[in-house]
Amino acid sequence: MARIRFDFGSLTLEAELLDTATAKAIATKLPMTSSVLTWGEEVYFDVPVDVPREKDARDVVTPGEIAYWPQGPAIAIGFGRTPISKGSECRLASPCNIFAKALSDVKVLGKVKSGSKVSVSKIG
């Protein structure tokens, strides 16, 4: 599948799209730009995509999994604990569609501040 790049200005994160309906819908809307919000150890941002919740959507993710939050609609990238995490889990606000996998350590997103701009584009 294709690769995408998240450019947060001071840092970038590349990811590989999974073979899902959500990934395909997001890819058709690229490039896109948005404003970042943070929630604990999660960055998320609104996107102009309207996809329903997939049957395998979940709220507990592994850092590195990149999610689409249908209720936003937003892209959510969890990299650690959020205000509703239990123990050390990475728990998003509600079930999300996992549509991509980061190709590097998402912990660097701890440096991204709320209000920062993010652009998402296809690579190659």
PDB file of N, CA and C in Angstrom:
ATOM      1  N   MET A   1       0.853  -1.190   0.000  1.00  0.00           N
ATOM      2  CA  MET A   1       0.000   0.000   0.000  1.00  0.00           C
ATOM      3  C   MET A   1       0.890   1.241   0.000  1.00  0.00           C
ATOM      4  N   ALA A   2       0.290   2.367  -0.208  1.00  0.00           N
ATOM      5  CA  ALA A   2       1.004   3.635  -0.320  1.00  0.00           C
ATOM      6  C   ALA A   2       1.522   4.119   1.034  1.00  0.00           C
ATOM      7  N   ARG A   3       2.400   5.091   0.962  1.00  0.00           N
ATOM      8  CA  ARG A   3       2.920   5.730   2.166  1.00  0.00           C
ATOM      9  C   ARG A   3       2.458   7.175   2.211  1.00  0.00           C
ATOM     10  N   ILE A   4       2.332   7.673   3.443  1.00  0.00           N
ATOM     11  CA  ILE A   4       1.961   9.070   3.652  1.00  0.00           C
ATOM     12  C   ILE A   4       2.942   9.704   4.626  1.00  0.00           C
ATOM     13  N   ARG A   5       2.975  11.034   4.612  1.00  0.00           N
ATOM     14  CA  ARG A   5       3.857  11.789   5.511  1.00  0.00           C
ATOM     15  C   ARG A   5       3.025  12.820   6.265  1.00  0.00           C
ATOM     16  N   PHE A   6       3.234  12.842   7.570  1.00  0.00           N
ATOM     17  CA  PHE A   6       2.659  13.878   8.422  1.00  0.00           C
ATOM     18  C   PHE A   6       3.781  14.873   8.688  1.00  0.00           C
ATOM     19  N   ASP A   7       3.578  16.127   8.325  1.00  0.00           N
ATOM     20  CA  ASP A   7       4.594  17.172   8.531  1.00  0.00           C
ATOM     21  C   ASP A   7       4.070  18.135   9.589  1.00  0.00           C
ATOM     22  N   PHE A   8       4.680  18.076  10.773  1.00  0.00           N
ATOM     23  CA  PHE A   8       4.278  18.928  11.889  1.00  0.00           C
ATOM     24  C   PHE A   8       5.161  20.170  11.998  1.00  0.00           C
ATOM     25  N   GLY A   9       5.845  20.524  10.937  1.00  0.00           N
ATOM     26  CA  GLY A   9       6.732  21.688  10.959  1.00  0.00           C
ATOM     27  C   GLY A   9       8.103  21.322  11.472  1.00  0.00           C
ATOM     28  N   SER A  10       8.229  21.104  12.778  1.00  0.00           N
ATOM     29  CA  SER A  10       9.532  20.795  13.364  1.00  0.00           C
ATOM     30  C   SER A  10       9.899  19.316  13.232  1.00  0.00           C
ATOM     31  N   LEU A  11       8.927  18.473  12.892  1.00  0.00           N
ATOM     32  CA  LEU A  11       9.224  17.055  12.725  1.00  0.00           C
ATOM     33  C   LEU A  11       8.253  16.431  11.737  1.00  0.00           C
ATOM     34  N   THR A  12       8.667  15.313  11.184  1.00  0.00           N
ATOM     35  CA  THR A  12       7.805  14.582  10.254  1.00  0.00           C
ATOM     36  C   THR A  12       7.677  13.136  10.717  1.00  0.00           C
ATOM     37  N   LEU A  13       6.590  12.516  10.298  1.00  0.00           N
ATOM     38  CA  LEU A  13       6.325  11.121  10.609  1.00  0.00           C
ATOM     39  C   LEU A  13       5.792  10.472   9.335  1.00  0.00           C
ATOM     40  N   GLU A  14       6.411   9.371   8.948  1.00  0.00           N
ATOM     41  CA  GLU A  14       5.939   8.650   7.770  1.00  0.00           C
ATOM     42  C   GLU A  14       5.190   7.411   8.225  1.00  0.00           C
ATOM     43  N   ALA A  15       4.208   7.019   7.409  1.00  0.00           N
ATOM     44  CA  ALA A  15       3.383   5.861   7.741  1.00  0.00           C
ATOM     45  C   ALA A  15       3.012   5.111   6.476  1.00  0.00           C
ATOM     46  N   GLU A  16       2.721   3.840   6.650  1.00  0.00           N
ATOM     47  CA  GLU A  16       2.276   3.007   5.543  1.00  0.00           C
ATOM     48  C   GLU A  16       0.775   2.781   5.697  1.00  0.00           C
ATOM     49  N   LEU A  17       0.033   3.062   4.633  1.00  0.00           N
ATOM     50  CA  LEU A  17      -1.405   2.858   4.660  1.00  0.00           C
ATOM     51  C   LEU A  17      -1.713   1.364   4.665  1.00  0.00           C
ATOM     52  N   LEU A  18      -2.739   0.990   5.394  1.00  0.00           N
ATOM     53  CA  LEU A  18      -3.207  -0.387   5.408  1.00  0.00           C
ATOM     54  C   LEU A  18      -4.239  -0.547   4.282  1.00  0.00           C
ATOM     55  N   ASP A  19      -4.597  -1.753   3.975  1.00  0.00           N
ATOM     56  CA  ASP A  19      -5.560  -2.020   2.915  1.00  0.00           C
ATOM     57  C   ASP A  19      -6.973  -2.018   3.507  1.00  0.00           C
ATOM     58  N   THR A  20      -7.474  -0.801   3.805  1.00  0.00           N
ATOM     59  CA  THR A  20      -8.811  -0.653   4.392  1.00  0.00           C
ATOM     60  C   THR A  20      -9.586   0.411   3.638  1.00  0.00           C
ATOM     61  N   ALA A  21     -10.901   0.390   3.798  1.00  0.00           N
ATOM     62  CA  ALA A  21     -11.755   1.408   3.183  1.00  0.00           C
ATOM     63  C   ALA A  21     -11.404   2.799   3.716  1.00  0.00           C
ATOM     64  N   THR A  22     -11.084   2.877   5.004  1.00  0.00           N
ATOM     65  CA  THR A  22     -10.729   4.168   5.604  1.00  0.00           C
ATOM     66  C   THR A  22      -9.444   4.710   4.989  1.00  0.00           C
ATOM     67  N   ALA A  23      -8.430   3.861   4.839  1.00  0.00           N
ATOM     68  CA  ALA A  23      -7.163   4.298   4.247  1.00  0.00           C
ATOM     69  C   ALA A  23      -7.390   4.817   2.831  1.00  0.00           C
ATOM     70  N   LYS A  24      -8.207   4.117   2.063  1.00  0.00           N
ATOM     71  CA  LYS A  24      -8.488   4.544   0.686  1.00  0.00           C
ATOM     72  C   LYS A  24      -9.209   5.886   0.672  1.00  0.00           C
ATOM     73  N   ALA A  25     -10.175   6.073   1.577  1.00  0.00           N
ATOM     74  CA  ALA A  25     -10.921   7.333   1.637  1.00  0.00           C
ATOM     75  C   ALA A  25     -10.004   8.497   2.015  1.00  0.00           C
ATOM     76  N   ILE A  26      -9.112   8.277   2.965  1.00  0.00           N
ATOM     77  CA  ILE A  26      -8.182   9.330   3.378  1.00  0.00           C
ATOM     78  C   ILE A  26      -7.222   9.652   2.242  1.00  0.00           C
ATOM     79  N   ALA A  27      -6.708   8.634   1.571  1.00  0.00           N
ATOM     80  CA  ALA A  27      -5.754   8.849   0.471  1.00  0.00           C
ATOM     81  C   ALA A  27      -6.360   9.719  -0.634  1.00  0.00           C
ATOM     82  N   THR A  28      -7.655   9.574  -0.887  1.00  0.00           N
ATOM     83  CA  THR A  28      -8.280  10.376  -1.956  1.00  0.00           C
ATOM     84  C   THR A  28      -8.386  11.852  -1.585  1.00  0.00           C
ATOM     85  N   LYS A  29      -8.271  12.177  -0.300  1.00  0.00           N
ATOM     86  CA  LYS A  29      -8.389  13.571   0.158  1.00  0.00           C
ATOM     87  C   LYS A  29      -7.031  14.264   0.318  1.00  0.00           C
ATOM     88  N   LEU A  30      -5.943  13.546   0.076  1.00  0.00           N
ATOM     89  CA  LEU A  30      -4.605  14.124   0.265  1.00  0.00           C
ATOM     90  C   LEU A  30      -4.183  14.936  -0.947  1.00  0.00           C
ATOM     91  N   PRO A  31      -3.422  16.013  -0.753  1.00  0.00           N
ATOM     92  CA  PRO A  31      -2.908  16.501   0.532  1.00  0.00           C
ATOM     93  C   PRO A  31      -3.974  17.266   1.321  1.00  0.00           C
ATOM     94  N   MET A  32      -3.764  17.350   2.627  1.00  0.00           N
ATOM     95  CA  MET A  32      -4.657  18.107   3.502  1.00  0.00           C
ATOM     96  C   MET A  32      -3.835  18.768   4.599  1.00  0.00           C
ATOM     97  N   THR A  33      -4.385  19.857   5.115  1.00  0.00           N
ATOM     98  CA  THR A  33      -3.741  20.596   6.199  1.00  0.00           C
ATOM     99  C   THR A  33      -4.764  20.807   7.304  1.00  0.00           C
ATOM    100  N   SER A  34      -4.303  20.771   8.544  1.00  0.00           N
ATOM    101  CA  SER A  34      -5.202  20.955   9.675  1.00  0.00           C
ATOM    102  C   SER A  34      -4.436  21.554  10.846  1.00  0.00           C
ATOM    103  N   SER A  35      -5.150  21.759  11.937  1.00  0.00           N
ATOM    104  CA  SER A  35      -4.565  22.293  13.163  1.00  0.00           C
ATOM    105  C   SER A  35      -4.613  21.204  14.238  1.00  0.00           C
ATOM    106  N   VAL A  36      -3.505  20.995  14.902  1.00  0.00           N
ATOM    107  CA  VAL A  36      -3.355  19.910  15.873  1.00  0.00           C
ATOM    108  C   VAL A  36      -3.973  20.263  17.227  1.00  0.00           C
ATOM    109  N   LEU A  37      -4.600  19.266  17.812  1.00  0.00           N
ATOM    110  CA  LEU A  37      -5.033  19.324  19.201  1.00  0.00           C
ATOM    111  C   LEU A  37      -4.328  18.183  19.917  1.00  0.00           C
ATOM    112  N   THR A  38      -4.148  18.315  21.236  1.00  0.00           N
ATOM    113  CA  THR A  38      -3.524  17.242  22.001  1.00  0.00           C
ATOM    114  C   THR A  38      -4.456  16.828  23.126  1.00  0.00           C
ATOM    115  N   TRP A  39      -4.351  15.551  23.506  1.00  0.00           N
ATOM    116  CA  TRP A  39      -5.153  15.007  24.600  1.00  0.00           C
ATOM    117  C   TRP A  39      -4.296  13.957  25.278  1.00  0.00           C
ATOM    118  N   GLY A  40      -3.667  14.342  26.375  1.00  0.00           N
ATOM    119  CA  GLY A  40      -2.688  13.443  26.988  1.00  0.00           C
ATOM    120  C   GLY A  40      -1.582  13.185  25.985  1.00  0.00           C
ATOM    121  N   GLU A  41      -1.202  11.928  25.820  1.00  0.00           N
ATOM    122  CA  GLU A  41      -0.165  11.563  24.853  1.00  0.00           C
ATOM    123  C   GLU A  41      -0.814  11.107  23.544  1.00  0.00           C
ATOM    124  N   GLU A  42      -1.578  12.021  22.980  1.00  0.00           N
ATOM    125  CA  GLU A  42      -2.236  11.806  21.694  1.00  0.00           C
ATOM    126  C   GLU A  42      -2.300  13.140  20.967  1.00  0.00           C
ATOM    127  N   VAL A  43      -2.035  13.103  19.663  1.00  0.00           N
ATOM    128  CA  VAL A  43      -2.298  14.263  18.823  1.00  0.00           C
ATOM    129  C   VAL A  43      -3.442  13.865  17.891  1.00  0.00           C
ATOM    130  N   TYR A  44      -4.316  14.818  17.628  1.00  0.00           N
ATOM    131  CA  TYR A  44      -5.399  14.549  16.696  1.00  0.00           C
ATOM    132  C   TYR A  44      -5.737  15.834  15.970  1.00  0.00           C
ATOM    133  N   PHE A  45      -6.369  15.688  14.811  1.00  0.00           N
ATOM    134  CA  PHE A  45      -6.717  16.864  14.020  1.00  0.00           C
ATOM    135  C   PHE A  45      -7.859  16.515  13.075  1.00  0.00           C
ATOM    136  N   ASP A  46      -8.712  17.519  12.855  1.00  0.00           N
ATOM    137  CA  ASP A  46      -9.871  17.368  11.979  1.00  0.00           C
ATOM    138  C   ASP A  46      -9.441  17.091  10.550  1.00  0.00           C
ATOM    139  N   VAL A  47     -10.224  16.246   9.876  1.00  0.00           N
ATOM    140  CA  VAL A  47      -9.970  15.924   8.471  1.00  0.00           C
ATOM    141  C   VAL A  47     -11.299  15.943   7.705  1.00  0.00           C
ATOM    142  N   PRO A  48     -11.241  16.290   6.401  1.00  0.00           N
ATOM    143  CA  PRO A  48     -12.458  16.345   5.579  1.00  0.00           C
ATOM    144  C   PRO A  48     -12.818  14.972   5.001  1.00  0.00           C
ATOM    145  N   VAL A  49     -12.965  14.004   5.874  1.00  0.00           N
ATOM    146  CA  VAL A  49     -13.239  12.618   5.465  1.00  0.00           C
ATOM    147  C   VAL A  49     -14.462  12.147   6.240  1.00  0.00           C
ATOM    148  N   ASP A  50     -15.362  11.449   5.565  1.00  0.00           N
ATOM    149  CA  ASP A  50     -16.552  10.924   6.223  1.00  0.00           C
ATOM    150  C   ASP A  50     -16.640   9.426   5.955  1.00  0.00           C
ATOM    151  N   VAL A  51     -16.192   8.638   6.924  1.00  0.00           N
ATOM    152  CA  VAL A  51     -16.176   7.183   6.809  1.00  0.00           C
ATOM    153  C   VAL A  51     -16.835   6.625   8.072  1.00  0.00           C
ATOM    154  N   PRO A  52     -17.704   5.626   7.937  1.00  0.00           N
ATOM    155  CA  PRO A  52     -18.312   5.043   9.140  1.00  0.00           C
ATOM    156  C   PRO A  52     -17.307   4.215   9.936  1.00  0.00           C
ATOM    157  N   ARG A  53     -17.676   3.925  11.173  1.00  0.00           N
ATOM    158  CA  ARG A  53     -16.851   3.061  12.016  1.00  0.00           C
ATOM    159  C   ARG A  53     -16.798   1.671  11.387  1.00  0.00           C
ATOM    160  N   GLU A  54     -15.588   1.127  11.273  1.00  0.00           N
ATOM    161  CA  GLU A  54     -15.426  -0.221  10.719  1.00  0.00           C
ATOM    162  C   GLU A  54     -15.698  -1.261  11.804  1.00  0.00           C
ATOM    163  N   LYS A  55     -16.008  -2.482  11.397  1.00  0.00           N
ATOM    164  CA  LYS A  55     -16.378  -3.532  12.360  1.00  0.00           C
ATOM    165  C   LYS A  55     -15.252  -3.863  13.329  1.00  0.00           C
ATOM    166  N   ASP A  56     -13.999  -3.645  12.927  1.00  0.00           N
ATOM    167  CA  ASP A  56     -12.876  -3.948  13.816  1.00  0.00           C
ATOM    168  C   ASP A  56     -12.302  -2.699  14.497  1.00  0.00           C
ATOM    169  N   ALA A  57     -13.082  -1.618  14.523  1.00  0.00           N
ATOM    170  CA  ALA A  57     -12.638  -0.385  15.193  1.00  0.00           C
ATOM    171  C   ALA A  57     -12.415  -0.667  16.679  1.00  0.00           C
ATOM    172  N   ARG A  58     -11.438   0.033  17.262  1.00  0.00           N
ATOM    173  CA  ARG A  58     -11.169  -0.153  18.691  1.00  0.00           C
ATOM    174  C   ARG A  58     -10.640   1.129  19.301  1.00  0.00           C
ATOM    175  N   ASP A  59     -10.771   1.206  20.630  1.00  0.00           N
ATOM    176  CA  ASP A  59     -10.308   2.402  21.329  1.00  0.00           C
ATOM    177  C   ASP A  59      -8.926   2.229  21.951  1.00  0.00           C
ATOM    178  N   VAL A  60      -8.501   1.009  22.231  1.00  0.00           N
ATOM    179  CA  VAL A  60      -7.146   0.779  22.754  1.00  0.00           C
ATOM    180  C   VAL A  60      -6.255   0.437  21.562  1.00  0.00           C
ATOM    181  N   VAL A  61      -5.226   1.252  21.387  1.00  0.00           N
ATOM    182  CA  VAL A  61      -4.322   1.077  20.250  1.00  0.00           C
ATOM    183  C   VAL A  61      -2.892   0.884  20.745  1.00  0.00           C
ATOM    184  N   THR A  62      -2.075   0.349  19.855  1.00  0.00           N
ATOM    185  CA  THR A  62      -0.649   0.222  20.116  1.00  0.00           C
ATOM    186  C   THR A  62       0.027   1.462  19.552  1.00  0.00           C
ATOM    187  N   PRO A  63       0.912   2.127  20.321  1.00  0.00           N
ATOM    188  CA  PRO A  63       1.605   3.275  19.748  1.00  0.00           C
ATOM    189  C   PRO A  63       2.221   2.906  18.397  1.00  0.00           C
ATOM    190  N   GLY A  64       1.967   3.742  17.405  1.00  0.00           N
ATOM    191  CA  GLY A  64       2.415   3.458  16.050  1.00  0.00           C
ATOM    192  C   GLY A  64       1.249   3.180  15.120  1.00  0.00           C
ATOM    193  N   GLU A  65       0.123   2.757  15.705  1.00  0.00           N
ATOM    194  CA  GLU A  65      -1.084   2.591  14.891  1.00  0.00           C
ATOM    195  C   GLU A  65      -1.727   3.961  14.724  1.00  0.00           C
ATOM    196  N   ILE A  66      -2.088   4.276  13.491  1.00  0.00           N
ATOM    197  CA  ILE A  66      -2.683   5.579  13.207  1.00  0.00           C
ATOM    198  C   ILE A  66      -4.159   5.361  12.929  1.00  0.00           C
ATOM    199  N   ALA A  67      -4.990   6.140  13.607  1.00  0.00           N
ATOM    200  CA  ALA A  67      -6.423   5.900  13.624  1.00  0.00           C
ATOM    201  C   ALA A  67      -7.223   7.050  13.031  1.00  0.00           C
ATOM    202  N   TYR A  68      -8.392   6.687  12.528  1.00  0.00           N
ATOM    203  CA  TYR A  68      -9.391   7.657  12.078  1.00  0.00           C
ATOM    204  C   TYR A  68     -10.536   7.592  13.079  1.00  0.00           C
ATOM    205  N   TRP A  69     -10.907   8.749  13.620  1.00  0.00           N
ATOM    206  CA  TRP A  69     -11.965   8.850  14.614  1.00  0.00           C
ATOM    207  C   TRP A  69     -13.229   9.335  13.917  1.00  0.00           C
ATOM    208  N   PRO A  70     -14.181   8.428  13.635  1.00  0.00           N
ATOM    209  CA  PRO A  70     -15.383   8.819  12.885  1.00  0.00           C
ATOM    210  C   PRO A  70     -16.187   9.939  13.527  1.00  0.00           C
ATOM    211  N   GLN A  71     -16.183  10.030  14.858  1.00  0.00           N
ATOM    212  CA  GLN A  71     -16.963  11.063  15.536  1.00  0.00           C
ATOM    213  C   GLN A  71     -16.376  12.453  15.372  1.00  0.00           C
ATOM    214  N   GLY A  72     -15.108  12.565  14.984  1.00  0.00           N
ATOM    215  CA  GLY A  72     -14.465  13.869  14.831  1.00  0.00           C
ATOM    216  C   GLY A  72     -15.093  14.696  13.717  1.00  0.00           C
ATOM    217  N   PRO A  73     -14.950  14.313  12.487  1.00  0.00           N
ATOM    218  CA  PRO A  73     -14.014  13.292  12.052  1.00  0.00           C
ATOM    219  C   PRO A  73     -12.570  13.802  12.169  1.00  0.00           C
ATOM    220  N   ALA A  74     -11.691  12.920  12.607  1.00  0.00           N
ATOM    221  CA  ALA A  74     -10.310  13.329  12.860  1.00  0.00           C
ATOM    222  C   ALA A  74      -9.368  12.148  12.707  1.00  0.00           C
ATOM    223  N   ILE A  75      -8.100  12.471  12.482  1.00  0.00           N
ATOM    224  CA  ILE A  75      -7.030  11.482  12.561  1.00  0.00           C
ATOM    225  C   ILE A  75      -6.463  11.592  13.964  1.00  0.00           C
ATOM    226  N   ALA A  76      -6.298  10.442  14.617  1.00  0.00           N
ATOM    227  CA  ALA A  76      -5.775  10.395  15.985  1.00  0.00           C
ATOM    228  C   ALA A  76      -4.521   9.521  16.008  1.00  0.00           C
ATOM    229  N   ILE A  77      -3.463  10.066  16.592  1.00  0.00           N
ATOM    230  CA  ILE A  77      -2.218   9.310  16.724  1.00  0.00           C
ATOM    231  C   ILE A  77      -1.854   9.271  18.206  1.00  0.00           C
ATOM    232  N   GLY A  78      -2.137   8.137  18.819  1.00  0.00           N
ATOM    233  CA  GLY A  78      -1.808   7.962  20.226  1.00  0.00           C
ATOM    234  C   GLY A  78      -0.381   7.449  20.366  1.00  0.00           C
ATOM    235  N   PHE A  79       0.343   7.979  21.342  1.00  0.00           N
ATOM    236  CA  PHE A  79       1.722   7.530  21.547  1.00  0.00           C
ATOM    237  C   PHE A  79       2.011   7.230  23.010  1.00  0.00           C
ATOM    238  N   GLY A  80       0.958   7.177  23.820  1.00  0.00           N
ATOM    239  CA  GLY A  80       1.109   6.889  25.241  1.00  0.00           C
ATOM    240  C   GLY A  80      -0.235   7.022  25.942  1.00  0.00           C
ATOM    241  N   ARG A  81      -0.193   7.368  27.200  1.00  0.00           N
ATOM    242  CA  ARG A  81      -1.412   7.459  28.003  1.00  0.00           C
ATOM    243  C   ARG A  81      -2.257   8.686  27.641  1.00  0.00           C
ATOM    244  N   THR A  82      -3.573   8.496  27.710  1.00  0.00           N
ATOM    245  CA  THR A  82      -4.522   9.606  27.564  1.00  0.00           C
ATOM    246  C   THR A  82      -5.258   9.741  28.896  1.00  0.00           C
ATOM    247  N   PRO A  83      -6.064  10.788  29.067  1.00  0.00           N
ATOM    248  CA  PRO A  83      -6.771  10.949  30.354  1.00  0.00           C
ATOM    249  C   PRO A  83      -7.680   9.774  30.731  1.00  0.00           C
ATOM    250  N   ILE A  84      -8.079   8.920  29.781  1.00  0.00           N
ATOM    251  CA  ILE A  84      -8.947   7.780  30.132  1.00  0.00           C
ATOM    252  C   ILE A  84      -8.230   6.431  30.073  1.00  0.00           C
ATOM    253  N   SER A  85      -6.910   6.452  29.924  1.00  0.00           N
ATOM    254  CA  SER A  85      -6.144   5.198  29.896  1.00  0.00           C
ATOM    255  C   SER A  85      -6.232   4.478  31.234  1.00  0.00           C
ATOM    256  N   LYS A  86      -6.203   3.156  31.158  1.00  0.00           N
ATOM    257  CA  LYS A  86      -6.118   2.325  32.360  1.00  0.00           C
ATOM    258  C   LYS A  86      -4.733   1.709  32.350  1.00  0.00           C
ATOM    259  N   GLY A  87      -3.968   1.959  33.386  1.00  0.00           N
ATOM    260  CA  GLY A  87      -2.593   1.472  33.414  1.00  0.00           C
ATOM    261  C   GLY A  87      -1.769   2.184  32.352  1.00  0.00           C
ATOM    262  N   SER A  88      -0.968   1.424  31.623  1.00  0.00           N
ATOM    263  CA  SER A  88      -0.072   2.033  30.634  1.00  0.00           C
ATOM    264  C   SER A  88      -0.637   2.006  29.217  1.00  0.00           C
ATOM    265  N   GLU A  89      -1.905   1.591  29.061  1.00  0.00           N
ATOM    266  CA  GLU A  89      -2.492   1.489  27.722  1.00  0.00           C
ATOM    267  C   GLU A  89      -2.639   2.847  27.051  1.00  0.00           C
ATOM    268  N   CYS A  90      -2.747   2.806  25.748  1.00  0.00           N
ATOM    269  CA  CYS A  90      -3.036   4.004  24.954  1.00  0.00           C
ATOM    270  C   CYS A  90      -4.497   3.883  24.525  1.00  0.00           C
ATOM    271  N   ARG A  91      -5.382   4.608  25.215  1.00  0.00           N
ATOM    272  CA  ARG A  91      -6.821   4.514  24.966  1.00  0.00           C
ATOM    273  C   ARG A  91      -7.336   5.811  24.343  1.00  0.00           C
ATOM    274  N   LEU A  92      -7.902   5.694  23.156  1.00  0.00           N
ATOM    275  CA  LEU A  92      -8.479   6.846  22.462  1.00  0.00           C
ATOM    276  C   LEU A  92      -9.886   7.106  23.010  1.00  0.00           C
ATOM    277  N   ALA A  93     -10.481   8.230  22.626  1.00  0.00           N
ATOM    278  CA  ALA A  93     -11.761   8.660  23.192  1.00  0.00           C
ATOM    279  C   ALA A  93     -12.891   7.666  22.947  1.00  0.00           C
ATOM    280  N   SER A  94     -12.892   7.010  21.802  1.00  0.00           N
ATOM    281  CA  SER A  94     -13.902   6.014  21.450  1.00  0.00           C
ATOM    282  C   SER A  94     -13.335   5.174  20.313  1.00  0.00           C
ATOM    283  N   PRO A  95     -14.015   4.095  19.931  1.00  0.00           N
ATOM    284  CA  PRO A  95     -13.453   3.231  18.882  1.00  0.00           C
ATOM    285  C   PRO A  95     -13.130   3.977  17.587  1.00  0.00           C
ATOM    286  N   CYS A  96     -11.963   3.658  17.055  1.00  0.00           N
ATOM    287  CA  CYS A  96     -11.446   4.301  15.846  1.00  0.00           C
ATOM    288  C   CYS A  96     -11.055   3.240  14.823  1.00  0.00           C
ATOM    289  N   ASN A  97     -11.040   3.643  13.559  1.00  0.00           N
ATOM    290  CA  ASN A  97     -10.592   2.770  12.478  1.00  0.00           C
ATOM    291  C   ASN A  97      -9.079   2.886  12.349  1.00  0.00           C
ATOM    292  N   ILE A  98      -8.360   1.795  12.482  1.00  0.00           N
ATOM    293  CA  ILE A  98      -6.911   1.805  12.290  1.00  0.00           C
ATOM    294  C   ILE A  98      -6.670   1.753  10.781  1.00  0.00           C
ATOM    295  N   PHE A  99      -5.971   2.781  10.249  1.00  0.00           N
ATOM    296  CA  PHE A  99      -5.798   2.841   8.791  1.00  0.00           C
ATOM    297  C   PHE A  99      -4.345   2.919   8.336  1.00  0.00           C
ATOM    298  N   ALA A 100      -3.407   3.089   9.264  1.00  0.00           N
ATOM    299  CA  ALA A 100      -1.998   3.185   8.873  1.00  0.00           C
ATOM    300  C   ALA A 100      -1.106   2.768  10.040  1.00  0.00           C
ATOM    301  N   LYS A 101       0.149   2.504   9.707  1.00  0.00           N
ATOM    302  CA  LYS A 101       1.150   2.118  10.706  1.00  0.00           C
ATOM    303  C   LYS A 101       2.364   3.023  10.537  1.00  0.00           C
ATOM    304  N   ALA A 102       2.759   3.689  11.617  1.00  0.00           N
ATOM    305  CA  ALA A 102       3.919   4.584  11.576  1.00  0.00           C
ATOM    306  C   ALA A 102       5.185   3.788  11.276  1.00  0.00           C
ATOM    307  N   LEU A 103       6.101   4.402  10.534  1.00  0.00           N
ATOM    308  CA  LEU A 103       7.357   3.745  10.162  1.00  0.00           C
ATOM    309  C   LEU A 103       8.514   4.139  11.075  1.00  0.00           C
ATOM    310  N   SER A 104       8.220   4.968  12.075  1.00  0.00           N
ATOM    311  CA  SER A 104       9.237   5.345  13.055  1.00  0.00           C
ATOM    312  C   SER A 104       8.540   5.542  14.402  1.00  0.00           C
ATOM    313  N   ASP A 105       9.310   5.864  15.426  1.00  0.00           N
ATOM    314  CA  ASP A 105       8.789   5.981  16.788  1.00  0.00           C
ATOM    315  C   ASP A 105       7.863   7.193  16.929  1.00  0.00           C
ATOM    316  N   VAL A 106       6.611   6.937  17.304  1.00  0.00           N
ATOM    317  CA  VAL A 106       5.642   8.025  17.453  1.00  0.00           C
ATOM    318  C   VAL A 106       5.837   8.823  18.743  1.00  0.00           C
ATOM    319  N   LYS A 107       6.708   8.380  19.636  1.00  0.00           N
ATOM    320  CA  LYS A 107       6.956   9.120  20.884  1.00  0.00           C
ATOM    321  C   LYS A 107       7.451  10.542  20.612  1.00  0.00           C
ATOM    322  N   VAL A 108       8.049  10.776  19.420  1.00  0.00           N
ATOM    323  CA  VAL A 108       8.522  12.123  19.086  1.00  0.00           C
ATOM    324  C   VAL A 108       7.363  13.119  19.046  1.00  0.00           C
ATOM    325  N   LEU A 109       6.135  12.630  18.904  1.00  0.00           N
ATOM    326  CA  LEU A 109       4.978  13.527  18.833  1.00  0.00           C
ATOM    327  C   LEU A 109       4.724  14.247  20.152  1.00  0.00           C
ATOM    328  N   GLY A 110       5.394  13.829  21.212  1.00  0.00           N
ATOM    329  CA  GLY A 110       5.296  14.533  22.488  1.00  0.00           C
ATOM    330  C   GLY A 110       5.779  15.971  22.388  1.00  0.00           C
ATOM    331  N   LYS A 111       6.553  16.285  21.342  1.00  0.00           N
ATOM    332  CA  LYS A 111       7.068  17.644  21.139  1.00  0.00           C
ATOM    333  C   LYS A 111       6.065  18.536  20.402  1.00  0.00           C
ATOM    334  N   VAL A 112       5.025  17.948  19.826  1.00  0.00           N
ATOM    335  CA  VAL A 112       4.048  18.713  19.042  1.00  0.00           C
ATOM    336  C   VAL A 112       3.073  19.409  19.987  1.00  0.00           C
ATOM    337  N   LYS A 113       2.888  20.686  19.775  1.00  0.00           N
ATOM    338  CA  LYS A 113       2.023  21.492  20.633  1.00  0.00           C
ATOM    339  C   LYS A 113       0.650  21.695  20.001  1.00  0.00           C
ATOM    340  N   SER A 114      -0.361  21.788  20.849  1.00  0.00           N
ATOM    341  CA  SER A 114      -1.712  22.084  20.399  1.00  0.00           C
ATOM    342  C   SER A 114      -1.699  23.414  19.650  1.00  0.00           C
ATOM    343  N   GLY A 115      -2.394  23.479  18.524  1.00  0.00           N
ATOM    344  CA  GLY A 115      -2.405  24.681  17.705  1.00  0.00           C
ATOM    345  C   GLY A 115      -1.410  24.650  16.572  1.00  0.00           C
ATOM    346  N   SER A 116      -0.462  23.703  16.608  1.00  0.00           N
ATOM    347  CA  SER A 116       0.503  23.557  15.506  1.00  0.00           C
ATOM    348  C   SER A 116      -0.232  23.156  14.242  1.00  0.00           C
ATOM    349  N   LYS A 117       0.340  23.487  13.118  1.00  0.00           N
ATOM    350  CA  LYS A 117      -0.208  23.067  11.830  1.00  0.00           C
ATOM    351  C   LYS A 117       0.370  21.703  11.459  1.00  0.00           C
ATOM    352  N   VAL A 118      -0.434  20.896  10.786  1.00  0.00           N
ATOM    353  CA  VAL A 118       0.034  19.620  10.268  1.00  0.00           C
ATOM    354  C   VAL A 118      -0.439  19.512   8.816  1.00  0.00           C
ATOM    355  N   SER A 119       0.442  19.005   7.983  1.00  0.00           N
ATOM    356  CA  SER A 119       0.029  18.699   6.605  1.00  0.00           C
ATOM    357  C   SER A 119       0.260  17.215   6.393  1.00  0.00           C
ATOM    358  N   VAL A 120      -0.648  16.605   5.662  1.00  0.00           N
ATOM    359  CA  VAL A 120      -0.575  15.183   5.377  1.00  0.00           C
ATOM    360  C   VAL A 120      -0.544  15.035   3.870  1.00  0.00           C
ATOM    361  N   SER A 121       0.432  14.292   3.370  1.00  0.00           N
ATOM    362  CA  SER A 121       0.572  14.129   1.925  1.00  0.00           C
ATOM    363  C   SER A 121       1.012  12.714   1.579  1.00  0.00           C
ATOM    364  N   LYS A 122       0.789  12.337   0.338  1.00  0.00           N
ATOM    365  CA  LYS A 122       1.251  11.046  -0.157  1.00  0.00           C
ATOM    366  C   LYS A 122       2.746  11.156  -0.435  1.00  0.00           C
ATOM    367  N   ILE A 123       3.456  10.065  -0.278  1.00  0.00           N
ATOM    368  CA  ILE A 123       4.878  10.008  -0.606  1.00  0.00           C
ATOM    369  C   ILE A 123       5.001   9.242  -1.913  1.00  0.00           C
ATOM    370  N   GLY A 124       5.728   9.848  -2.856  1.00  0.00           N
ATOM    371  CA  GLY A 124       5.972   9.176  -4.126  1.00  0.00           C
ATOM    372  C   GLY A 124       4.822   9.126  -4.974  1.00  0.00           C
TER     373      GLY A 124
END
